[in-house]
């Protein structure tokens, strides 16, 4: 039985991964989202601090 080679992430269609907001297939124009609406929802979540990248608190911040 032949083994398929791994897919190149850059060569696939835009619809290969679902939209991270609603799960619908992504479109080429709004990739990785399905629409401008989902793209705007994601931007709003970043701007309103709904998303956060975890990090450790630096002890030097409190030294002042």
C-alpha atoms as a PDB file:
ATOM      1  CA  UNK A   1       0.000   0.000   0.000  1.00  0.00           C
ATOM      2  CA  UNK A   2       1.619   3.314  -1.073  1.00  0.00           C
ATOM      3  CA  UNK A   3       2.061   6.035   1.505  1.00  0.00           C
ATOM      4  CA  UNK A   4       0.951   9.555   0.601  1.00  0.00           C
ATOM      5  CA  UNK A   5       3.585  12.271   1.118  1.00  0.00           C
ATOM      6  CA  UNK A   6       2.678  14.979   3.627  1.00  0.00           C
ATOM      7  CA  UNK A   7       0.795  17.896   2.112  1.00  0.00           C
ATOM      8  CA  UNK A   8       2.699  21.130   1.628  1.00  0.00           C
ATOM      9  CA  UNK A   9       0.873  23.765   3.732  1.00  0.00           C
ATOM     10  CA  UNK A  10       1.530  26.497   1.178  1.00  0.00           C
ATOM     11  CA  UNK A  11       0.190  24.573  -1.799  1.00  0.00           C
ATOM     12  CA  UNK A  12      -3.299  23.692  -0.522  1.00  0.00           C
ATOM     13  CA  UNK A  13      -6.548  25.428  -1.320  1.00  0.00           C
ATOM     14  CA  UNK A  14      -7.762  28.234   0.918  1.00  0.00           C
ATOM     15  CA  UNK A  15     -10.688  26.060   2.032  1.00  0.00           C
ATOM     16  CA  UNK A  16      -8.394  23.396   3.455  1.00  0.00           C
ATOM     17  CA  UNK A  17      -8.717  24.722   7.011  1.00  0.00           C
ATOM     18  CA  UNK A  18     -11.934  25.926   8.601  1.00  0.00           C
ATOM     19  CA  UNK A  19     -12.458  29.507   9.691  1.00  0.00           C
ATOM     20  CA  UNK A  20     -11.153  29.880  13.277  1.00  0.00           C
ATOM     21  CA  UNK A  21     -14.209  31.967  14.249  1.00  0.00           C
ATOM     22  CA  UNK A  22     -17.197  30.046  12.851  1.00  0.00           C
ATOM     23  CA  UNK A  23     -15.776  26.838  11.353  1.00  0.00           C
ATOM     24  CA  UNK A  24     -16.978  27.421   7.765  1.00  0.00           C
ATOM     25  CA  UNK A  25     -14.507  26.805   4.904  1.00  0.00           C
ATOM     26  CA  UNK A  26     -12.055  29.674   4.436  1.00  0.00           C
ATOM     27  CA  UNK A  27     -12.103  31.789   1.280  1.00  0.00           C
ATOM     28  CA  UNK A  28      -9.061  32.935  -0.656  1.00  0.00           C
ATOM     29  CA  UNK A  29      -9.995  36.620  -0.265  1.00  0.00           C
ATOM     30  CA  UNK A  30     -10.293  36.462   3.549  1.00  0.00           C
ATOM     31  CA  UNK A  31      -7.919  33.631   4.369  1.00  0.00           C
ATOM     32  CA  UNK A  32      -7.744  32.147   7.025  1.00  0.00           C
ATOM     33  CA  UNK A  33     -11.291  33.394   7.645  1.00  0.00           C
ATOM     34  CA  UNK A  34     -14.479  32.687   5.697  1.00  0.00           C
ATOM     35  CA  UNK A  35     -15.580  36.319   5.385  1.00  0.00           C
ATOM     36  CA  UNK A  36     -14.719  39.904   6.212  1.00  0.00           C
ATOM     37  CA  UNK A  37     -17.154  39.664   9.138  1.00  0.00           C
ATOM     38  CA  UNK A  38     -15.187  36.856  10.804  1.00  0.00           C
ATOM     39  CA  UNK A  39     -11.966  38.724  10.055  1.00  0.00           C
ATOM     40  CA  UNK A  40     -13.379  41.800  11.839  1.00  0.00           C
ATOM     41  CA  UNK A  41     -14.628  39.692  14.778  1.00  0.00           C
ATOM     42  CA  UNK A  42     -11.098  38.333  15.245  1.00  0.00           C
ATOM     43  CA  UNK A  43      -9.556  41.818  15.054  1.00  0.00           C
ATOM     44  CA  UNK A  44     -12.050  43.096  17.641  1.00  0.00           C
ATOM     45  CA  UNK A  45     -11.151  40.246  19.986  1.00  0.00           C
ATOM     46  CA  UNK A  46      -7.463  41.176  19.769  1.00  0.00           C
ATOM     47  CA  UNK A  47      -8.139  44.898  20.238  1.00  0.00           C
ATOM     48  CA  UNK A  48     -10.438  44.346  23.224  1.00  0.00           C
ATOM     49  CA  UNK A  49      -7.886  42.056  24.936  1.00  0.00           C
ATOM     50  CA  UNK A  50     -10.124  38.980  24.686  1.00  0.00           C
ATOM     51  CA  UNK A  51      -7.055  37.154  23.393  1.00  0.00           C
ATOM     52  CA  UNK A  52      -3.891  37.158  25.450  1.00  0.00           C
ATOM     53  CA  UNK A  53      -0.507  35.634  24.900  1.00  0.00           C
ATOM     54  CA  UNK A  54       0.587  34.129  28.212  1.00  0.00           C
ATOM     55  CA  UNK A  55       3.908  35.192  29.592  1.00  0.00           C
ATOM     56  CA  UNK A  56       5.720  35.341  32.855  1.00  0.00           C
ATOM     57  CA  UNK A  57       5.882  38.494  34.886  1.00  0.00           C
ATOM     58  CA  UNK A  58       9.294  40.122  34.821  1.00  0.00           C
ATOM     59  CA  UNK A  59      10.602  40.976  38.306  1.00  0.00           C
ATOM     60  CA  UNK A  60      12.292  44.113  36.968  1.00  0.00           C
ATOM     61  CA  UNK A  61       8.887  45.708  36.219  1.00  0.00           C
ATOM     62  CA  UNK A  62       8.202  46.197  39.934  1.00  0.00           C
ATOM     63  CA  UNK A  63      11.716  47.475  40.756  1.00  0.00           C
ATOM     64  CA  UNK A  64      10.922  51.136  39.971  1.00  0.00           C
END
